[in-house]
Amino acid sequence: MEAHLSREELEAAHCWEADDRVARRPDMTDFRRRLRYHQAKWREAHGHPIGSQPIKPKPDSKAVRLVGSRLPLDYARETGANFLTAGARDAANARLAAKEPHQSLDAQRVWADLLWSQALCFNLFGDLASDLALADRAVHTWWPDAPGTVGDVRFEHSPGWLDPAYLGNLMSFSVAIVSDLGDGTQGVIGIDTKYRERLKREVPKPTRLARYVEVTETSGVFAPGAIDAVNGTELTVMWLQHLLMLSMLQHPSGIWRWGRFVVVHPAGNVDYDEACARYRDLVVDPSTFASVTVENLLDADALPAPTTAALRERYIPR
């Protein structure tokens, strides 16, 4: 990345945000500030107007400030400017129009927040949703051992929000890529896409912990002591998303026969780079968990060249 950005540079671009600071982690603070600034400059370079906090100001609101890494909500909805391809825009439109029961989805940020990881997910995988042949080639380029043929690409998806047959919580995948295994069963690659996020300690609800322990122990994919190593730590959410995929393999229907949980993040996000390495050491069956950088996905040339170029320009600061 470029040299350290000054407060003056960030303020001039409406990118000085207290939320970007990570206590005692100057590398993550600089990373988060750099990405916000990069998105603001991308927006300016493409002639898009600046958005605000709140994303949708009330007509009589006086406490509104400009945010360089956002678009005005009405403009974003009308133009789809947060999306780099027609496939990404169509995938976002389709997902926002279809409601999964009990879903948790921030539509305003999907449209108007240039830093929002779900928007990155639509941009990275949106072309695959409308071209399943492309999706199948991409999946087998990125994960050659994945069985079956891709039959569906589902964004911000859970097999059952709050359904106790899975985890009984609101965990979901940024995107789930579903494959037909040829015998009436399915495989799934559940992907969590991160961009500027930092790790935070999370504590699961005590009422749900027994179910999490059950799925963990039934799976047989964790090393001894793994539950204590993840429960109530910065790895909790990663563990629960992995468990969501594992709960699909354990579902009474028997429809899911193969699965993998994958974390996708930029190379510069050291929080997630380090967390994935720590988590990987707790998994004795590596077939069910993987992590990969956005840069590595793009380097594989699995996506159309114009899409790859647009993604590099938008998300990878030089």
C-alpha atoms as a PDB file:
ATOM      1  CA  MET A   1       0.000   0.000   0.000  1.00  0.00           C
ATOM      2  CA  GLU A   2       0.955   3.630  -0.300  1.00  0.00           C
ATOM      3  CA  ALA A   3       2.483   5.740   2.473  1.00  0.00           C
ATOM      4  CA  HIS A   4       0.525   6.509   5.614  1.00  0.00           C
ATOM      5  CA  LEU A   5      -2.420   8.816   4.935  1.00  0.00           C
ATOM      6  CA  SER A   6      -2.584  11.968   7.005  1.00  0.00           C
ATOM      7  CA  ARG A   7      -5.661  13.118   8.863  1.00  0.00           C
ATOM      8  CA  GLU A   8      -5.783  16.151   6.556  1.00  0.00           C
ATOM      9  CA  GLU A   9      -5.904  13.934   3.445  1.00  0.00           C
ATOM     10  CA  LEU A  10      -8.619  11.769   4.940  1.00  0.00           C
ATOM     11  CA  GLU A  11     -10.711  14.712   6.113  1.00  0.00           C
ATOM     12  CA  ALA A  12     -10.452  16.358   2.687  1.00  0.00           C
ATOM     13  CA  ALA A  13     -11.945  13.208   1.148  1.00  0.00           C
ATOM     14  CA  HIS A  14     -14.591  12.930   3.907  1.00  0.00           C
ATOM     15  CA  CYS A  15     -12.882   9.749   5.077  1.00  0.00           C
ATOM     16  CA  TRP A  16     -11.845  10.530   8.655  1.00  0.00           C
ATOM     17  CA  GLU A  17     -13.980   8.089  10.643  1.00  0.00           C
ATOM     18  CA  ALA A  18     -13.463   7.155  14.289  1.00  0.00           C
ATOM     19  CA  ASP A  19     -14.726   3.644  13.528  1.00  0.00           C
ATOM     20  CA  ASP A  20     -11.678   2.948  11.368  1.00  0.00           C
ATOM     21  CA  ARG A  21      -9.326   3.026  14.354  1.00  0.00           C
ATOM     22  CA  VAL A  22      -8.433  -0.357  15.830  1.00  0.00           C
ATOM     23  CA  ALA A  23      -6.979  -0.016  19.308  1.00  0.00           C
ATOM     24  CA  ARG A  24      -3.375  -1.183  19.560  1.00  0.00           C
ATOM     25  CA  ARG A  25      -3.461  -2.341  15.920  1.00  0.00           C
ATOM     26  CA  PRO A  26      -1.940   0.473  13.832  1.00  0.00           C
ATOM     27  CA  ASP A  27      -1.561  -1.838  10.843  1.00  0.00           C
ATOM     28  CA  MET A  28      -5.295  -2.562  10.791  1.00  0.00           C
ATOM     29  CA  THR A  29      -6.120   1.103  11.409  1.00  0.00           C
ATOM     30  CA  ASP A  30      -4.019   2.140   8.405  1.00  0.00           C
ATOM     31  CA  PHE A  31      -5.519  -0.654   6.306  1.00  0.00           C
ATOM     32  CA  ARG A  32      -9.092   0.370   7.093  1.00  0.00           C
ATOM     33  CA  ARG A  33      -8.381   4.035   6.442  1.00  0.00           C
ATOM     34  CA  ARG A  34      -6.621   3.214   3.172  1.00  0.00           C
ATOM     35  CA  LEU A  35      -9.580   1.192   1.906  1.00  0.00           C
ATOM     36  CA  ARG A  36     -12.066   3.906   2.801  1.00  0.00           C
ATOM     37  CA  TYR A  37      -9.936   6.513   1.038  1.00  0.00           C
ATOM     38  CA  HIS A  38      -9.505   4.228  -1.978  1.00  0.00           C
ATOM     39  CA  GLN A  39     -13.269   3.772  -2.306  1.00  0.00           C
ATOM     40  CA  ALA A  40     -13.822   7.532  -2.079  1.00  0.00           C
ATOM     41  CA  LYS A  41     -11.282   8.124  -4.848  1.00  0.00           C
ATOM     42  CA  TRP A  42     -12.850   5.375  -6.971  1.00  0.00           C
ATOM     43  CA  ARG A  43     -16.234   7.054  -6.535  1.00  0.00           C
ATOM     44  CA  GLU A  44     -14.833  10.436  -7.563  1.00  0.00           C
ATOM     45  CA  ALA A  45     -12.981   8.971 -10.558  1.00  0.00           C
ATOM     46  CA  HIS A  46     -16.203   7.452 -11.855  1.00  0.00           C
ATOM     47  CA  GLY A  47     -18.239  10.616 -11.362  1.00  0.00           C
ATOM     48  CA  HIS A  48     -20.542   9.329  -8.634  1.00  0.00           C
ATOM     49  CA  PRO A  49     -21.934  11.755  -6.029  1.00  0.00           C
ATOM     50  CA  ILE A  50     -21.014  11.518  -2.376  1.00  0.00           C
ATOM     51  CA  GLY A  51     -23.238   9.854   0.214  1.00  0.00           C
ATOM     52  CA  SER A  52     -23.805  10.488   3.878  1.00  0.00           C
ATOM     53  CA  GLN A  53     -24.307   9.307   7.425  1.00  0.00           C
ATOM     54  CA  PRO A  54     -27.053   8.332   7.921  1.00  0.00           C
ATOM     55  CA  ILE A  55     -27.313   6.615   4.559  1.00  0.00           C
ATOM     56  CA  LYS A  56     -30.909   7.813   4.213  1.00  0.00           C
ATOM     57  CA  PRO A  57     -31.219  11.170   5.999  1.00  0.00           C
ATOM     58  CA  LYS A  58     -34.604  12.186   7.298  1.00  0.00           C
ATOM     59  CA  PRO A  59     -36.053  15.291   5.575  1.00  0.00           C
ATOM     60  CA  ASP A  60     -35.759  17.402   8.715  1.00  0.00           C
ATOM     61  CA  SER A  61     -32.477  15.937   9.953  1.00  0.00           C
ATOM     62  CA  LYS A  62     -29.683  18.378  10.760  1.00  0.00           C
ATOM     63  CA  ALA A  63     -27.151  15.813  11.966  1.00  0.00           C
ATOM     64  CA  VAL A  64     -26.030  14.698   8.504  1.00  0.00           C
ATOM     65  CA  ARG A  65     -22.417  14.497   7.402  1.00  0.00           C
ATOM     66  CA  LEU A  66     -20.802  13.536   4.126  1.00  0.00           C
ATOM     67  CA  VAL A  67     -19.033  10.167   3.849  1.00  0.00           C
ATOM     68  CA  GLY A  68     -16.665   9.746   0.945  1.00  0.00           C
ATOM     69  CA  SER A  69     -17.076   5.972   0.764  1.00  0.00           C
ATOM     70  CA  ARG A  70     -20.843   6.101   0.303  1.00  0.00           C
ATOM     71  CA  LEU A  71     -23.335   6.941  -2.426  1.00  0.00           C
ATOM     72  CA  PRO A  72     -26.650   8.771  -2.002  1.00  0.00           C
ATOM     73  CA  LEU A  73     -29.209   6.014  -1.479  1.00  0.00           C
ATOM     74  CA  ASP A  74     -31.716   7.083  -4.143  1.00  0.00           C
ATOM     75  CA  TYR A  75     -28.928   7.546  -6.697  1.00  0.00           C
ATOM     76  CA  ALA A  76     -27.441   4.161  -5.789  1.00  0.00           C
ATOM     77  CA  ARG A  77     -30.788   2.412  -6.224  1.00  0.00           C
ATOM     78  CA  GLU A  78     -31.515   4.132  -9.541  1.00  0.00           C
ATOM     79  CA  THR A  79     -28.081   3.541 -11.089  1.00  0.00           C
ATOM     80  CA  GLY A  80     -26.767   0.405  -9.395  1.00  0.00           C
ATOM     81  CA  ALA A  81     -23.445   2.235  -9.159  1.00  0.00           C
ATOM     82  CA  ASN A  82     -22.179   0.033  -6.319  1.00  0.00           C
ATOM     83  CA  PHE A  83     -22.076  -2.912  -8.744  1.00  0.00           C
ATOM     84  CA  LEU A  84     -19.398  -3.403 -11.367  1.00  0.00           C
ATOM     85  CA  THR A  85     -21.219  -5.639 -13.850  1.00  0.00           C
ATOM     86  CA  ALA A  86     -24.740  -6.291 -15.032  1.00  0.00           C
ATOM     87  CA  GLY A  87     -24.469  -9.746 -13.465  1.00  0.00           C
ATOM     88  CA  ALA A  88     -23.607  -8.300 -10.065  1.00  0.00           C
ATOM     89  CA  ARG A  89     -26.446  -5.776 -10.262  1.00  0.00           C
ATOM     90  CA  ASP A  90     -28.941  -8.418 -11.372  1.00  0.00           C
ATOM     91  CA  ALA A  91     -27.845 -10.739  -8.556  1.00  0.00           C
ATOM     92  CA  ALA A  92     -28.308  -7.968  -5.998  1.00  0.00           C
ATOM     93  CA  ASN A  93     -31.716  -7.048  -7.368  1.00  0.00           C
ATOM     94  CA  ALA A  94     -32.839 -10.665  -7.347  1.00  0.00           C
ATOM     95  CA  ARG A  95     -31.624 -11.269  -3.794  1.00  0.00           C
ATOM     96  CA  LEU A  96     -33.181  -8.104  -2.401  1.00  0.00           C
ATOM     97  CA  ALA A  97     -36.477  -8.966  -4.075  1.00  0.00           C
ATOM     98  CA  ALA A  98     -36.570 -12.470  -2.558  1.00  0.00           C
ATOM     99  CA  LYS A  99     -37.089 -12.739   1.198  1.00  0.00           C
ATOM    100  CA  GLU A 100     -35.794 -15.738   3.121  1.00  0.00           C
ATOM    101  CA  PRO A 101     -37.856 -16.215   6.324  1.00  0.00           C
ATOM    102  CA  HIS A 102     -36.267 -14.427   9.311  1.00  0.00           C
ATOM    103  CA  GLN A 103     -33.406 -13.127   7.161  1.00  0.00           C
ATOM    104  CA  SER A 104     -31.033 -10.419   8.357  1.00  0.00           C
ATOM    105  CA  LEU A 105     -29.935  -8.218   5.456  1.00  0.00           C
ATOM    106  CA  ASP A 106     -29.015  -4.514   5.339  1.00  0.00           C
ATOM    107  CA  ALA A 107     -30.354  -3.418   1.953  1.00  0.00           C
ATOM    108  CA  GLN A 108     -29.282   0.207   2.349  1.00  0.00           C
ATOM    109  CA  ARG A 109     -25.647  -0.755   2.741  1.00  0.00           C
ATOM    110  CA  VAL A 110     -25.834  -3.187  -0.164  1.00  0.00           C
ATOM    111  CA  TRP A 111     -26.883  -0.322  -2.425  1.00  0.00           C
ATOM    112  CA  ALA A 112     -24.976   2.635  -1.052  1.00  0.00           C
ATOM    113  CA  ASP A 113     -21.960   1.605   1.052  1.00  0.00           C
ATOM    114  CA  LEU A 114     -18.900   1.180  -1.167  1.00  0.00           C
ATOM    115  CA  LEU A 115     -17.057  -0.585   1.664  1.00  0.00           C
ATOM    116  CA  TRP A 116     -19.814  -3.102   2.374  1.00  0.00           C
ATOM    117  CA  SER A 117     -18.523  -6.655   2.105  1.00  0.00           C
ATOM    118  CA  GLN A 118     -21.795  -8.003   0.719  1.00  0.00           C
ATOM    119  CA  ALA A 119     -21.450  -5.557  -2.189  1.00  0.00           C
ATOM    120  CA  LEU A 120     -17.945  -6.957  -2.759  1.00  0.00           C
ATOM    121  CA  CYS A 121     -19.508 -10.423  -2.725  1.00  0.00           C
ATOM    122  CA  PHE A 122     -22.039  -9.490  -5.411  1.00  0.00           C
ATOM    123  CA  ASN A 123     -19.260  -7.935  -7.487  1.00  0.00           C
ATOM    124  CA  LEU A 124     -16.949 -10.922  -7.080  1.00  0.00           C
ATOM    125  CA  PHE A 125     -19.486 -13.711  -7.638  1.00  0.00           C
ATOM    126  CA  GLY A 126     -22.451 -11.982  -9.324  1.00  0.00           C
ATOM    127  CA  ASP A 127     -21.481 -12.978 -12.858  1.00  0.00           C
ATOM    128  CA  LEU A 128     -21.629 -16.622 -11.771  1.00  0.00           C
ATOM    129  CA  ALA A 129     -25.298 -16.452 -10.785  1.00  0.00           C
ATOM    130  CA  SER A 130     -26.471 -15.785 -14.336  1.00  0.00           C
ATOM    131  CA  ASP A 131     -24.003 -18.135 -16.053  1.00  0.00           C
ATOM    132  CA  LEU A 132     -23.819 -21.511 -14.329  1.00  0.00           C
ATOM    133  CA  ALA A 133     -21.332 -22.853 -16.873  1.00  0.00           C
ATOM    134  CA  LEU A 134     -19.009 -19.987 -15.910  1.00  0.00           C
ATOM    135  CA  ALA A 135     -19.754 -20.710 -12.260  1.00  0.00           C
ATOM    136  CA  ASP A 136     -18.792 -24.363 -12.668  1.00  0.00           C
ATOM    137  CA  ARG A 137     -15.524 -23.494 -14.421  1.00  0.00           C
ATOM    138  CA  ALA A 138     -14.691 -20.877 -11.791  1.00  0.00           C
ATOM    139  CA  VAL A 139     -15.406 -23.177  -8.846  1.00  0.00           C
ATOM    140  CA  HIS A 140     -13.259 -25.965 -10.278  1.00  0.00           C
ATOM    141  CA  THR A 141     -10.481 -23.491 -11.024  1.00  0.00           C
ATOM    142  CA  TRP A 142     -10.515 -22.154  -7.473  1.00  0.00           C
ATOM    143  CA  TRP A 143     -11.243 -25.469  -5.720  1.00  0.00           C
ATOM    144  CA  PRO A 144     -10.320 -28.324  -8.098  1.00  0.00           C
ATOM    145  CA  ASP A 145     -11.353 -31.012  -5.623  1.00  0.00           C
ATOM    146  CA  ALA A 146     -14.939 -29.744  -5.337  1.00  0.00           C
ATOM    147  CA  PRO A 147     -17.273 -32.496  -6.596  1.00  0.00           C
ATOM    148  CA  GLY A 148     -20.320 -32.191  -8.818  1.00  0.00           C
ATOM    149  CA  THR A 149     -21.641 -29.545 -11.181  1.00  0.00           C
ATOM    150  CA  VAL A 150     -22.681 -26.087 -10.009  1.00  0.00           C
ATOM    151  CA  GLY A 151     -26.445 -25.693 -10.128  1.00  0.00           C
ATOM    152  CA  ASP A 152     -27.165 -22.567  -8.074  1.00  0.00           C
ATOM    153  CA  VAL A 153     -25.520 -19.480  -6.578  1.00  0.00           C
ATOM    154  CA  ARG A 154     -27.360 -18.071  -3.539  1.00  0.00           C
ATOM    155  CA  PHE A 155     -26.395 -14.755  -1.962  1.00  0.00           C
ATOM    156  CA  GLU A 156     -26.683 -13.848   1.733  1.00  0.00           C
ATOM    157  CA  HIS A 157     -28.050 -17.306   2.258  1.00  0.00           C
ATOM    158  CA  SER A 158     -28.873 -19.561   5.169  1.00  0.00           C
ATOM    159  CA  PRO A 159     -30.439 -22.998   4.725  1.00  0.00           C
ATOM    160  CA  GLY A 160     -32.684 -22.071   7.649  1.00  0.00           C
ATOM    161  CA  TRP A 161     -32.602 -18.778   9.531  1.00  0.00           C
ATOM    162  CA  LEU A 162     -33.366 -19.583  13.211  1.00  0.00           C
ATOM    163  CA  ASP A 163     -34.098 -23.209  12.237  1.00  0.00           C
ATOM    164  CA  PRO A 164     -32.987 -25.523  15.091  1.00  0.00           C
ATOM    165  CA  ALA A 165     -32.434 -28.329  12.598  1.00  0.00           C
ATOM    166  CA  TYR A 166     -29.397 -26.321  11.516  1.00  0.00           C
ATOM    167  CA  LEU A 167     -27.996 -23.940  14.168  1.00  0.00           C
ATOM    168  CA  GLY A 168     -31.111 -22.063  15.284  1.00  0.00           C
ATOM    169  CA  ASN A 169     -29.406 -18.691  14.852  1.00  0.00           C
ATOM    170  CA  LEU A 170     -28.989 -15.940  12.247  1.00  0.00           C
ATOM    171  CA  MET A 171     -25.708 -17.131  10.745  1.00  0.00           C
ATOM    172  CA  SER A 172     -25.545 -17.029   6.962  1.00  0.00           C
ATOM    173  CA  PHE A 173     -23.098 -17.244   4.084  1.00  0.00           C
ATOM    174  CA  SER A 174     -22.243 -14.228   1.957  1.00  0.00           C
ATOM    175  CA  VAL A 175     -22.769 -16.612  -0.935  1.00  0.00           C
ATOM    176  CA  ALA A 176     -23.509 -20.334  -1.116  1.00  0.00           C
ATOM    177  CA  ILE A 177     -22.496 -22.152  -4.284  1.00  0.00           C
ATOM    178  CA  VAL A 178     -24.569 -25.319  -4.597  1.00  0.00           C
ATOM    179  CA  SER A 179     -23.544 -28.316  -6.706  1.00  0.00           C
ATOM    180  CA  ASP A 180     -25.448 -31.340  -8.004  1.00  0.00           C
ATOM    181  CA  LEU A 181     -23.534 -34.484  -7.048  1.00  0.00           C
ATOM    182  CA  GLY A 182     -25.362 -36.669  -9.536  1.00  0.00           C
ATOM    183  CA  ASP A 183     -27.135 -38.979  -7.099  1.00  0.00           C
ATOM    184  CA  GLY A 184     -29.880 -36.692  -5.835  1.00  0.00           C
ATOM    185  CA  THR A 185     -27.648 -35.122  -3.189  1.00  0.00           C
ATOM    186  CA  GLN A 186     -25.904 -31.757  -3.171  1.00  0.00           C
ATOM    187  CA  GLY A 187     -22.625 -30.164  -2.223  1.00  0.00           C
ATOM    188  CA  VAL A 188     -22.136 -26.618  -0.988  1.00  0.00           C
ATOM    189  CA  ILE A 189     -19.306 -24.117  -0.734  1.00  0.00           C
ATOM    190  CA  GLY A 190     -20.407 -21.584   1.855  1.00  0.00           C
ATOM    191  CA  ILE A 191     -18.348 -18.415   1.506  1.00  0.00           C
ATOM    192  CA  ASP A 192     -17.901 -15.550   3.959  1.00  0.00           C
ATOM    193  CA  THR A 193     -16.587 -12.473   2.163  1.00  0.00           C
ATOM    194  CA  LYS A 194     -14.709  -9.892   4.220  1.00  0.00           C
ATOM    195  CA  TYR A 195     -13.179  -6.578   3.143  1.00  0.00           C
ATOM    196  CA  ARG A 196     -12.268  -4.064   5.845  1.00  0.00           C
ATOM    197  CA  GLU A 197     -13.717  -5.919   8.839  1.00  0.00           C
ATOM    198  CA  ARG A 198     -11.659  -6.366  11.965  1.00  0.00           C
ATOM    199  CA  LEU A 199     -11.987  -9.194  14.432  1.00  0.00           C
ATOM    200  CA  LYS A 200     -14.013  -8.744  17.595  1.00  0.00           C
ATOM    201  CA  ARG A 201     -14.552 -11.025  20.533  1.00  0.00           C
ATOM    202  CA  GLU A 202     -18.037 -12.543  20.433  1.00  0.00           C
ATOM    203  CA  VAL A 203     -19.861 -14.641  23.020  1.00  0.00           C
ATOM    204  CA  PRO A 204     -22.540 -17.086  21.796  1.00  0.00           C
ATOM    205  CA  LYS A 205     -25.912 -17.088  23.490  1.00  0.00           C
ATOM    206  CA  PRO A 206     -25.764 -19.677  26.298  1.00  0.00           C
ATOM    207  CA  THR A 207     -29.109 -21.135  25.213  1.00  0.00           C
ATOM    208  CA  ARG A 208     -27.623 -22.123  21.861  1.00  0.00           C
ATOM    209  CA  LEU A 209     -24.241 -23.357  23.009  1.00  0.00           C
ATOM    210  CA  ALA A 210     -25.352 -26.971  23.484  1.00  0.00           C
ATOM    211  CA  ARG A 211     -26.378 -27.163  19.823  1.00  0.00           C
ATOM    212  CA  TYR A 212     -23.045 -25.697  18.721  1.00  0.00           C
ATOM    213  CA  VAL A 213     -21.159 -28.241  20.816  1.00  0.00           C
ATOM    214  CA  GLU A 214     -23.305 -31.037  19.395  1.00  0.00           C
ATOM    215  CA  VAL A 215     -22.558 -30.085  15.767  1.00  0.00           C
ATOM    216  CA  THR A 216     -18.868 -29.620  16.563  1.00  0.00           C
ATOM    217  CA  GLU A 217     -18.488 -33.021  18.218  1.00  0.00           C
ATOM    218  CA  THR A 218     -20.633 -34.880  15.672  1.00  0.00           C
ATOM    219  CA  SER A 219     -18.608 -33.496  12.758  1.00  0.00           C
ATOM    220  CA  GLY A 220     -15.329 -35.058  13.834  1.00  0.00           C
ATOM    221  CA  VAL A 221     -13.369 -32.374  11.996  1.00  0.00           C
ATOM    222  CA  PHE A 222     -11.937 -30.492  14.999  1.00  0.00           C
ATOM    223  CA  ALA A 223      -8.833 -31.078  17.094  1.00  0.00           C
ATOM    224  CA  PRO A 224      -9.181 -31.768  20.823  1.00  0.00           C
ATOM    225  CA  GLY A 225      -9.720 -28.554  22.770  1.00  0.00           C
ATOM    226  CA  ALA A 226     -11.022 -26.654  19.733  1.00  0.00           C
ATOM    227  CA  ILE A 227     -14.272 -25.589  21.402  1.00  0.00           C
ATOM    228  CA  ASP A 228     -12.450 -23.916  24.276  1.00  0.00           C
ATOM    229  CA  ALA A 229     -10.076 -22.284  21.790  1.00  0.00           C
ATOM    230  CA  VAL A 230     -12.868 -20.626  19.796  1.00  0.00           C
ATOM    231  CA  ASN A 231     -15.814 -20.145  22.136  1.00  0.00           C
ATOM    232  CA  GLY A 232     -16.075 -16.546  23.341  1.00  0.00           C
ATOM    233  CA  THR A 233     -13.043 -15.404  21.319  1.00  0.00           C
ATOM    234  CA  GLU A 234     -12.345 -13.485  18.099  1.00  0.00           C
ATOM    235  CA  LEU A 235     -12.811 -16.816  16.280  1.00  0.00           C
ATOM    236  CA  THR A 236     -16.394 -17.395  17.443  1.00  0.00           C
ATOM    237  CA  VAL A 237     -18.171 -16.090  14.327  1.00  0.00           C
ATOM    238  CA  MET A 238     -15.840 -18.036  12.019  1.00  0.00           C
ATOM    239  CA  TRP A 239     -16.582 -21.160  14.060  1.00  0.00           C
ATOM    240  CA  LEU A 240     -20.347 -20.616  13.879  1.00  0.00           C
ATOM    241  CA  GLN A 241     -20.297 -20.102  10.123  1.00  0.00           C
ATOM    242  CA  HIS A 242     -18.242 -23.253   9.726  1.00  0.00           C
ATOM    243  CA  LEU A 243     -20.784 -25.017  11.953  1.00  0.00           C
ATOM    244  CA  LEU A 244     -23.613 -23.778   9.734  1.00  0.00           C
ATOM    245  CA  MET A 245     -22.078 -25.664   6.832  1.00  0.00           C
ATOM    246  CA  LEU A 246     -21.394 -28.719   9.008  1.00  0.00           C
ATOM    247  CA  SER A 247     -24.995 -28.675  10.254  1.00  0.00           C
ATOM    248  CA  MET A 248     -26.104 -28.974   6.636  1.00  0.00           C
ATOM    249  CA  LEU A 249     -24.056 -32.169   6.283  1.00  0.00           C
ATOM    250  CA  GLN A 250     -25.727 -33.465   9.460  1.00  0.00           C
ATOM    251  CA  HIS A 251     -29.278 -32.499   8.446  1.00  0.00           C
ATOM    252  CA  PRO A 252     -31.834 -35.355   8.756  1.00  0.00           C
ATOM    253  CA  SER A 253     -32.883 -34.908   5.123  1.00  0.00           C
ATOM    254  CA  GLY A 254     -29.512 -36.231   3.960  1.00  0.00           C
ATOM    255  CA  ILE A 255     -29.597 -33.860   0.995  1.00  0.00           C
ATOM    256  CA  TRP A 256     -26.138 -32.410   1.698  1.00  0.00           C
ATOM    257  CA  ARG A 257     -23.264 -34.850   1.124  1.00  0.00           C
ATOM    258  CA  TRP A 258     -20.232 -32.587   0.713  1.00  0.00           C
ATOM    259  CA  GLY A 259     -19.401 -29.127   1.992  1.00  0.00           C
ATOM    260  CA  ARG A 260     -16.692 -26.567   2.565  1.00  0.00           C
ATOM    261  CA  PHE A 261     -16.659 -23.243   4.386  1.00  0.00           C
ATOM    262  CA  VAL A 262     -14.361 -20.626   2.827  1.00  0.00           C
ATOM    263  CA  VAL A 263     -13.293 -17.225   4.120  1.00  0.00           C
ATOM    264  CA  VAL A 264     -12.388 -14.702   1.401  1.00  0.00           C
ATOM    265  CA  HIS A 265     -10.491 -11.542   2.398  1.00  0.00           C
ATOM    266  CA  PRO A 266      -7.972  -9.074   0.946  1.00  0.00           C
ATOM    267  CA  ALA A 267      -4.303  -9.891   1.463  1.00  0.00           C
ATOM    268  CA  GLY A 268      -3.832  -6.705   3.483  1.00  0.00           C
ATOM    269  CA  ASN A 269      -6.406  -7.645   6.106  1.00  0.00           C
ATOM    270  CA  VAL A 270      -3.957  -9.045   8.643  1.00  0.00           C
ATOM    271  CA  ASP A 271      -6.721  -9.652  11.206  1.00  0.00           C
ATOM    272  CA  TYR A 272      -8.375 -12.220   8.962  1.00  0.00           C
ATOM    273  CA  ASP A 273      -5.126 -13.571   7.602  1.00  0.00           C
ATOM    274  CA  GLU A 274      -3.939 -14.349  11.139  1.00  0.00           C
ATOM    275  CA  ALA A 275      -7.362 -15.573  12.309  1.00  0.00           C
ATOM    276  CA  CYS A 276      -7.711 -18.020   9.440  1.00  0.00           C
ATOM    277  CA  ALA A 277      -4.255 -19.416  10.200  1.00  0.00           C
ATOM    278  CA  ARG A 278      -5.184 -19.846  13.877  1.00  0.00           C
ATOM    279  CA  TYR A 279      -8.500 -21.448  13.010  1.00  0.00           C
ATOM    280  CA  ARG A 280      -6.932 -23.784  10.458  1.00  0.00           C
ATOM    281  CA  ASP A 281      -4.717 -25.226  13.201  1.00  0.00           C
ATOM    282  CA  LEU A 282      -7.883 -26.312  15.046  1.00  0.00           C
ATOM    283  CA  VAL A 283      -9.324 -28.242  12.083  1.00  0.00           C
ATOM    284  CA  VAL A 284      -8.056 -31.788  11.560  1.00  0.00           C
ATOM    285  CA  ASP A 285     -10.112 -32.339   8.384  1.00  0.00           C
ATOM    286  CA  PRO A 286      -8.958 -29.569   6.015  1.00  0.00           C
ATOM    287  CA  SER A 287     -11.526 -30.525   3.370  1.00  0.00           C
ATOM    288  CA  THR A 288     -14.251 -28.624   5.248  1.00  0.00           C
ATOM    289  CA  PHE A 289     -12.445 -25.295   5.786  1.00  0.00           C
ATOM    290  CA  ALA A 290     -10.338 -23.005   3.607  1.00  0.00           C
ATOM    291  CA  SER A 291      -9.360 -19.375   3.234  1.00  0.00           C
ATOM    292  CA  VAL A 292      -8.219 -17.466   0.187  1.00  0.00           C
ATOM    293  CA  THR A 293      -7.402 -13.862  -0.639  1.00  0.00           C
ATOM    294  CA  VAL A 294      -9.361 -11.775  -3.096  1.00  0.00           C
ATOM    295  CA  GLU A 295      -6.111 -11.285  -4.988  1.00  0.00           C
ATOM    296  CA  ASN A 296      -5.576 -15.040  -5.361  1.00  0.00           C
ATOM    297  CA  LEU A 297      -9.099 -15.509  -6.710  1.00  0.00           C
ATOM    298  CA  LEU A 298      -8.483 -12.789  -9.287  1.00  0.00           C
ATOM    299  CA  ASP A 299      -5.038 -14.128 -10.185  1.00  0.00           C
ATOM    300  CA  ALA A 300      -6.614 -17.466 -11.153  1.00  0.00           C
ATOM    301  CA  ASP A 301      -8.287 -15.840 -14.215  1.00  0.00           C
ATOM    302  CA  ALA A 302     -11.525 -17.685 -13.491  1.00  0.00           C
ATOM    303  CA  LEU A 303     -13.694 -14.621 -14.162  1.00  0.00           C
ATOM    304  CA  PRO A 304     -14.127 -12.665 -17.400  1.00  0.00           C
ATOM    305  CA  ALA A 305     -11.158 -10.361 -17.970  1.00  0.00           C
ATOM    306  CA  PRO A 306     -13.216  -7.120 -17.809  1.00  0.00           C
ATOM    307  CA  THR A 307     -14.730  -8.206 -14.496  1.00  0.00           C
ATOM    308  CA  THR A 308     -11.311  -9.041 -13.073  1.00  0.00           C
ATOM    309  CA  ALA A 309      -9.918  -5.679 -14.177  1.00  0.00           C
ATOM    310  CA  ALA A 310     -12.863  -3.802 -12.674  1.00  0.00           C
ATOM    311  CA  LEU A 311     -12.514  -5.701  -9.391  1.00  0.00           C
ATOM    312  CA  ARG A 312      -8.795  -4.911  -9.171  1.00  0.00           C
ATOM    313  CA  GLU A 313      -9.418  -1.220  -9.789  1.00  0.00           C
ATOM    314  CA  ARG A 314     -12.248  -1.058  -7.283  1.00  0.00           C
ATOM    315  CA  TYR A 315     -10.969  -3.147  -4.402  1.00  0.00           C
ATOM    316  CA  ILE A 316      -7.169  -3.479  -4.524  1.00  0.00           C
ATOM    317  CA  PRO A 317      -5.272  -0.250  -3.734  1.00  0.00           C
ATOM    318  CA  ARG A 318      -1.932  -0.083  -5.496  1.00  0.00           C
END
